[in-house]
Amino acid sequence: MKRGQVAALLAGATLGLAGVTLAIVISREENRIAARRMLERSGTVADQARKVGQRVARTAVEQYQTTAPKAAGVIGNVMAQAQPAAQAITAKLPQAAEAITAKLPRVSLNGKAQPEEVIS
């Protein structure tokens, strides 16, 4: 067996044992009562988590609204500075291609006087 298969079998067996154990624990009356109490308490925890999540979301939106315009300005400045350099590079590309082609004519003809025919 491969390691992945062994790991999957072990994980499945562990999950099955946990399920059986949980079923046995909940089958007793005292444990059912304890489980109900725990679920009642978790309701308040869920409300607190929801409120905290809403606060975090509000804070994130506020921070985004203050940071986004600054970031857009910085990006605009960088683009304005990069545009002349990009234009200069683009202007020199045809000359560079011609220089490379002039230096390596045999490569483009596959080392022969005549180009190869490709039949598809």
N, C-alpha and C. Protein backbone atom coordinates (compact mmCIF):
# COMPACT_ATOMS: atom_id res chain seq x y z
N MET A 1 0.83 -1.19 0.00
CA MET A 1 0.00 0.00 0.00
C MET A 1 0.87 1.25 0.00
N LYS A 2 0.36 2.28 -0.61
CA LYS A 2 1.07 3.55 -0.65
C LYS A 2 0.79 4.32 0.64
N ARG A 3 1.65 5.29 0.90
CA ARG A 3 1.51 6.08 2.14
C ARG A 3 0.17 6.80 2.20
N GLY A 4 -0.27 7.32 1.07
CA GLY A 4 -1.54 8.04 1.04
C GLY A 4 -2.71 7.14 1.40
N GLN A 5 -2.67 5.90 0.91
CA GLN A 5 -3.75 4.96 1.22
C GLN A 5 -3.75 4.61 2.70
N VAL A 6 -2.56 4.40 3.25
CA VAL A 6 -2.46 4.07 4.68
C VAL A 6 -2.97 5.24 5.51
N ALA A 7 -2.58 6.46 5.12
CA ALA A 7 -3.03 7.65 5.86
C ALA A 7 -4.54 7.78 5.79
N ALA A 8 -5.12 7.52 4.62
CA ALA A 8 -6.57 7.62 4.47
C ALA A 8 -7.27 6.57 5.33
N LEU A 9 -6.73 5.36 5.36
CA LEU A 9 -7.34 4.32 6.20
C LEU A 9 -7.26 4.68 7.67
N LEU A 10 -6.12 5.19 8.10
CA LEU A 10 -5.98 5.58 9.51
C LEU A 10 -6.92 6.74 9.85
N ALA A 11 -7.02 7.71 8.96
CA ALA A 11 -7.93 8.84 9.21
C ALA A 11 -9.37 8.37 9.27
N GLY A 12 -9.75 7.47 8.37
CA GLY A 12 -11.12 6.94 8.39
C GLY A 12 -11.42 6.16 9.64
N ALA A 13 -10.46 5.33 10.07
CA ALA A 13 -10.66 4.55 11.29
C ALA A 13 -10.76 5.46 12.50
N THR A 14 -9.93 6.49 12.55
CA THR A 14 -9.97 7.43 13.67
C THR A 14 -11.30 8.17 13.70
N LEU A 15 -11.77 8.61 12.55
CA LEU A 15 -13.05 9.31 12.47
C LEU A 15 -14.19 8.38 12.87
N GLY A 16 -14.14 7.14 12.45
CA GLY A 16 -15.18 6.18 12.83
C GLY A 16 -15.21 5.93 14.32
N LEU A 17 -14.02 5.75 14.92
CA LEU A 17 -13.96 5.55 16.37
C LEU A 17 -14.47 6.77 17.12
N ALA A 18 -14.14 7.96 16.61
CA ALA A 18 -14.63 9.18 17.26
C ALA A 18 -16.16 9.25 17.18
N GLY A 19 -16.72 8.86 16.05
CA GLY A 19 -18.18 8.86 15.90
C GLY A 19 -18.85 7.87 16.84
N VAL A 20 -18.29 6.69 16.94
CA VAL A 20 -18.85 5.68 17.85
C VAL A 20 -18.76 6.16 19.29
N THR A 21 -17.62 6.73 19.66
CA THR A 21 -17.44 7.25 21.02
C THR A 21 -18.45 8.35 21.31
N LEU A 22 -18.65 9.26 20.37
CA LEU A 22 -19.61 10.34 20.55
C LEU A 22 -21.02 9.78 20.70
N ALA A 23 -21.36 8.78 19.91
CA ALA A 23 -22.70 8.17 20.02
C ALA A 23 -22.90 7.52 21.38
N ILE A 24 -21.89 6.85 21.89
CA ILE A 24 -22.00 6.21 23.20
C ILE A 24 -22.12 7.26 24.30
N VAL A 25 -21.34 8.32 24.19
CA VAL A 25 -21.39 9.37 25.22
C VAL A 25 -22.75 10.05 25.24
N ILE A 26 -23.29 10.35 24.07
CA ILE A 26 -24.57 11.06 24.00
C ILE A 26 -25.74 10.13 24.35
N SER A 27 -25.55 8.85 24.27
CA SER A 27 -26.65 7.93 24.57
C SER A 27 -27.04 7.94 26.04
N ARG A 28 -26.18 8.37 26.91
CA ARG A 28 -26.52 8.44 28.33
C ARG A 28 -27.29 9.72 28.61
N GLU A 29 -28.21 9.64 29.53
CA GLU A 29 -29.08 10.77 29.86
C GLU A 29 -28.28 11.97 30.37
N GLU A 30 -27.34 11.74 31.30
CA GLU A 30 -26.57 12.86 31.86
C GLU A 30 -25.77 13.57 30.76
N ASN A 31 -25.25 12.78 29.87
CA ASN A 31 -24.44 13.37 28.80
C ASN A 31 -25.29 14.14 27.81
N ARG A 32 -26.52 13.68 27.58
CA ARG A 32 -27.42 14.43 26.70
C ARG A 32 -27.74 15.79 27.31
N ILE A 33 -27.97 15.81 28.61
CA ILE A 33 -28.26 17.07 29.29
C ILE A 33 -27.05 18.01 29.20
N ALA A 34 -25.87 17.45 29.42
CA ALA A 34 -24.65 18.26 29.32
C ALA A 34 -24.47 18.80 27.90
N ALA A 35 -24.77 17.98 26.91
CA ALA A 35 -24.65 18.42 25.51
C ALA A 35 -25.62 19.56 25.22
N ARG A 36 -26.85 19.46 25.75
CA ARG A 36 -27.84 20.54 25.56
C ARG A 36 -27.35 21.84 26.18
N ARG A 37 -26.81 21.75 27.39
CA ARG A 37 -26.28 22.95 28.06
C ARG A 37 -25.17 23.58 27.24
N MET A 38 -24.30 22.74 26.73
CA MET A 38 -23.18 23.26 25.94
C MET A 38 -23.69 23.95 24.67
N LEU A 39 -24.72 23.38 24.04
CA LEU A 39 -25.27 24.00 22.84
C LEU A 39 -25.95 25.31 23.16
N GLU A 40 -26.61 25.41 24.33
CA GLU A 40 -27.24 26.67 24.73
C GLU A 40 -26.19 27.75 24.95
N ARG A 41 -25.06 27.39 25.55
CA ARG A 41 -23.98 28.36 25.77
C ARG A 41 -23.34 28.77 24.46
N SER A 42 -23.24 27.84 23.53
CA SER A 42 -22.59 28.16 22.27
C SER A 42 -23.41 29.15 21.46
N GLY A 43 -24.71 29.24 21.73
CA GLY A 43 -25.54 30.23 21.05
C GLY A 43 -25.07 31.63 21.36
N THR A 44 -24.75 31.91 22.63
CA THR A 44 -24.24 33.24 22.98
C THR A 44 -22.87 33.46 22.38
N VAL A 45 -22.06 32.43 22.31
CA VAL A 45 -20.74 32.55 21.70
C VAL A 45 -20.89 32.88 20.21
N ALA A 46 -21.86 32.26 19.56
CA ALA A 46 -22.09 32.54 18.14
C ALA A 46 -22.51 33.99 17.94
N ASP A 47 -23.36 34.52 18.84
CA ASP A 47 -23.76 35.92 18.74
C ASP A 47 -22.56 36.85 18.91
N GLN A 48 -21.71 36.53 19.89
CA GLN A 48 -20.52 37.34 20.10
C GLN A 48 -19.60 37.27 18.88
N ALA A 49 -19.45 36.10 18.31
CA ALA A 49 -18.59 35.94 17.13
C ALA A 49 -19.15 36.73 15.96
N ARG A 50 -20.47 36.73 15.80
CA ARG A 50 -21.10 37.48 14.71
C ARG A 50 -20.85 38.98 14.89
N LYS A 51 -20.99 39.48 16.12
CA LYS A 51 -20.76 40.90 16.38
C LYS A 51 -19.31 41.28 16.13
N VAL A 52 -18.39 40.45 16.59
CA VAL A 52 -16.97 40.72 16.36
C VAL A 52 -16.67 40.70 14.86
N GLY A 53 -17.26 39.75 14.13
CA GLY A 53 -17.06 39.68 12.69
C GLY A 53 -17.57 40.93 11.99
N GLN A 54 -18.72 41.45 12.43
CA GLN A 54 -19.25 42.67 11.83
C GLN A 54 -18.34 43.86 12.11
N ARG A 55 -17.80 43.93 13.35
CA ARG A 55 -16.88 45.01 13.68
C ARG A 55 -15.62 44.94 12.84
N VAL A 56 -15.09 43.74 12.67
CA VAL A 56 -13.88 43.56 11.86
C VAL A 56 -14.15 43.96 10.42
N ALA A 57 -15.30 43.58 9.90
CA ALA A 57 -15.65 43.93 8.51
C ALA A 57 -15.76 45.44 8.35
N ARG A 58 -16.41 46.12 9.32
CA ARG A 58 -16.53 47.57 9.25
C ARG A 58 -15.15 48.25 9.28
N THR A 59 -14.30 47.78 10.17
CA THR A 59 -12.96 48.35 10.28
C THR A 59 -12.18 48.14 8.99
N ALA A 60 -12.31 46.95 8.40
CA ALA A 60 -11.60 46.67 7.14
C ALA A 60 -12.08 47.58 6.02
N VAL A 61 -13.38 47.82 5.95
CA VAL A 61 -13.91 48.71 4.91
C VAL A 61 -13.40 50.13 5.12
N GLU A 62 -13.39 50.59 6.36
CA GLU A 62 -12.90 51.94 6.64
C GLU A 62 -11.43 52.07 6.27
N GLN A 63 -10.64 51.09 6.63
CA GLN A 63 -9.22 51.14 6.29
C GLN A 63 -9.01 51.09 4.78
N TYR A 64 -9.81 50.29 4.09
CA TYR A 64 -9.70 50.21 2.63
C TYR A 64 -10.03 51.56 2.01
N GLN A 65 -11.10 52.20 2.53
CA GLN A 65 -11.52 53.48 1.95
C GLN A 65 -10.49 54.58 2.17
N THR A 66 -9.72 54.49 3.25
CA THR A 66 -8.68 55.50 3.45
C THR A 66 -7.39 55.15 2.72
N THR A 67 -7.11 53.87 2.56
CA THR A 67 -5.85 53.45 1.96
C THR A 67 -5.93 53.38 0.44
N ALA A 68 -7.07 53.01 -0.11
CA ALA A 68 -7.20 52.81 -1.56
C ALA A 68 -6.86 54.07 -2.36
N PRO A 69 -7.36 55.25 -2.00
CA PRO A 69 -6.99 56.44 -2.80
C PRO A 69 -5.48 56.72 -2.77
N LYS A 70 -4.86 56.52 -1.61
CA LYS A 70 -3.41 56.73 -1.53
C LYS A 70 -2.67 55.74 -2.43
N ALA A 71 -3.10 54.49 -2.39
CA ALA A 71 -2.45 53.47 -3.21
C ALA A 71 -2.66 53.77 -4.70
N ALA A 72 -3.85 54.24 -5.06
CA ALA A 72 -4.11 54.57 -6.46
C ALA A 72 -3.21 55.72 -6.92
N GLY A 73 -2.98 56.69 -6.04
CA GLY A 73 -2.09 57.79 -6.38
C GLY A 73 -0.65 57.32 -6.58
N VAL A 74 -0.20 56.44 -5.70
CA VAL A 74 1.16 55.92 -5.82
C VAL A 74 1.30 55.12 -7.10
N ILE A 75 0.31 54.30 -7.41
CA ILE A 75 0.36 53.50 -8.64
C ILE A 75 0.36 54.40 -9.87
N GLY A 76 -0.44 55.46 -9.83
CA GLY A 76 -0.46 56.42 -10.94
C GLY A 76 0.90 57.07 -11.15
N ASN A 77 1.56 57.46 -10.04
CA ASN A 77 2.89 58.07 -10.15
C ASN A 77 3.91 57.09 -10.73
N VAL A 78 3.86 55.86 -10.27
CA VAL A 78 4.79 54.85 -10.78
C VAL A 78 4.56 54.61 -12.27
N MET A 79 3.30 54.51 -12.67
CA MET A 79 2.99 54.30 -14.09
C MET A 79 3.46 55.49 -14.93
N ALA A 80 3.30 56.70 -14.42
CA ALA A 80 3.73 57.88 -15.16
C ALA A 80 5.25 57.89 -15.33
N GLN A 81 5.96 57.44 -14.30
CA GLN A 81 7.42 57.38 -14.40
C GLN A 81 7.88 56.24 -15.29
N ALA A 82 7.14 55.15 -15.32
CA ALA A 82 7.55 53.98 -16.09
C ALA A 82 7.21 54.11 -17.57
N GLN A 83 6.24 54.93 -17.92
CA GLN A 83 5.81 55.02 -19.31
C GLN A 83 6.91 55.48 -20.25
N PRO A 84 7.70 56.53 -19.95
CA PRO A 84 8.78 56.91 -20.88
C PRO A 84 9.82 55.80 -21.05
N ALA A 85 10.14 55.11 -19.98
CA ALA A 85 11.11 54.02 -20.08
C ALA A 85 10.57 52.90 -20.96
N ALA A 86 9.29 52.58 -20.81
CA ALA A 86 8.69 51.54 -21.64
C ALA A 86 8.67 51.94 -23.11
N GLN A 87 8.41 53.21 -23.38
CA GLN A 87 8.41 53.68 -24.77
C GLN A 87 9.81 53.60 -25.37
N ALA A 88 10.83 53.92 -24.57
CA ALA A 88 12.20 53.84 -25.07
C ALA A 88 12.59 52.40 -25.38
N ILE A 89 12.20 51.49 -24.51
CA ILE A 89 12.51 50.07 -24.74
C ILE A 89 11.77 49.57 -25.97
N THR A 90 10.51 49.94 -26.11
CA THR A 90 9.71 49.50 -27.26
C THR A 90 10.31 50.04 -28.56
N ALA A 91 10.85 51.25 -28.53
CA ALA A 91 11.45 51.83 -29.74
C ALA A 91 12.71 51.07 -30.14
N LYS A 92 13.43 50.51 -29.19
CA LYS A 92 14.69 49.82 -29.49
C LYS A 92 14.49 48.34 -29.82
N LEU A 93 13.32 47.79 -29.60
CA LEU A 93 13.09 46.37 -29.86
C LEU A 93 13.31 45.96 -31.32
N PRO A 94 12.81 46.70 -32.31
CA PRO A 94 13.06 46.28 -33.70
C PRO A 94 14.55 46.26 -34.06
N GLN A 95 15.30 47.24 -33.54
CA GLN A 95 16.73 47.28 -33.81
C GLN A 95 17.43 46.08 -33.18
N ALA A 96 17.03 45.71 -31.98
CA ALA A 96 17.63 44.56 -31.31
C ALA A 96 17.30 43.27 -32.06
N ALA A 97 16.09 43.16 -32.55
CA ALA A 97 15.69 41.96 -33.29
C ALA A 97 16.49 41.85 -34.59
N GLU A 98 16.68 42.97 -35.26
CA GLU A 98 17.47 42.96 -36.50
C GLU A 98 18.92 42.56 -36.21
N ALA A 99 19.49 43.07 -35.12
CA ALA A 99 20.88 42.75 -34.77
C ALA A 99 21.03 41.27 -34.47
N ILE A 100 20.08 40.70 -33.75
CA ILE A 100 20.13 39.27 -33.43
C ILE A 100 19.97 38.44 -34.69
N THR A 101 19.05 38.83 -35.56
CA THR A 101 18.84 38.10 -36.81
C THR A 101 20.09 38.15 -37.69
N ALA A 102 20.77 39.28 -37.72
CA ALA A 102 21.98 39.41 -38.54
C ALA A 102 23.11 38.54 -38.00
N LYS A 103 23.18 38.37 -36.71
CA LYS A 103 24.25 37.57 -36.10
C LYS A 103 24.00 36.07 -36.22
N LEU A 104 22.75 35.64 -36.28
CA LEU A 104 22.43 34.21 -36.28
C LEU A 104 21.59 33.79 -37.49
N PRO A 105 22.10 34.00 -38.71
CA PRO A 105 21.28 33.63 -39.86
C PRO A 105 21.13 32.13 -40.03
N ARG A 106 22.12 31.34 -39.65
CA ARG A 106 22.06 29.90 -39.84
C ARG A 106 21.03 29.25 -38.93
N VAL A 107 20.82 29.79 -37.80
CA VAL A 107 19.85 29.20 -36.87
C VAL A 107 18.45 29.25 -37.47
N SER A 108 18.12 30.36 -38.10
CA SER A 108 16.78 30.49 -38.66
C SER A 108 16.59 29.58 -39.87
N LEU A 109 17.67 29.21 -40.59
CA LEU A 109 17.56 28.33 -41.74
C LEU A 109 17.91 26.88 -41.40
N ASN A 110 18.04 26.59 -40.15
CA ASN A 110 18.33 25.24 -39.69
C ASN A 110 19.68 24.74 -40.21
N GLY A 111 20.63 25.67 -40.41
CA GLY A 111 21.97 25.29 -40.84
C GLY A 111 22.07 24.96 -42.31
N LYS A 112 21.04 25.19 -43.11
CA LYS A 112 21.06 24.84 -44.52
C LYS A 112 20.79 26.08 -45.35
N ALA A 113 21.03 25.98 -46.63
CA ALA A 113 20.80 27.11 -47.53
C ALA A 113 19.31 27.32 -47.74
N GLN A 114 18.54 26.25 -47.69
CA GLN A 114 17.11 26.34 -47.92
C GLN A 114 16.36 26.09 -46.61
N PRO A 115 15.28 26.81 -46.36
CA PRO A 115 14.51 26.54 -45.15
C PRO A 115 13.79 25.19 -45.24
N GLU A 116 13.56 24.57 -44.11
CA GLU A 116 12.86 23.29 -44.06
C GLU A 116 11.37 23.49 -44.27
N GLU A 117 10.74 22.53 -44.89
CA GLU A 117 9.30 22.54 -45.05
C GLU A 117 8.67 21.76 -43.92
N VAL A 118 7.65 22.31 -43.35
CA VAL A 118 6.94 21.62 -42.26
C VAL A 118 5.59 21.19 -42.80
N ILE A 119 5.34 19.90 -42.76
CA ILE A 119 4.08 19.35 -43.24
C ILE A 119 3.25 18.96 -42.02
N SER A 120 2.06 19.53 -41.94
CA SER A 120 1.25 19.20 -40.75
C SER A 120 0.10 18.31 -41.08
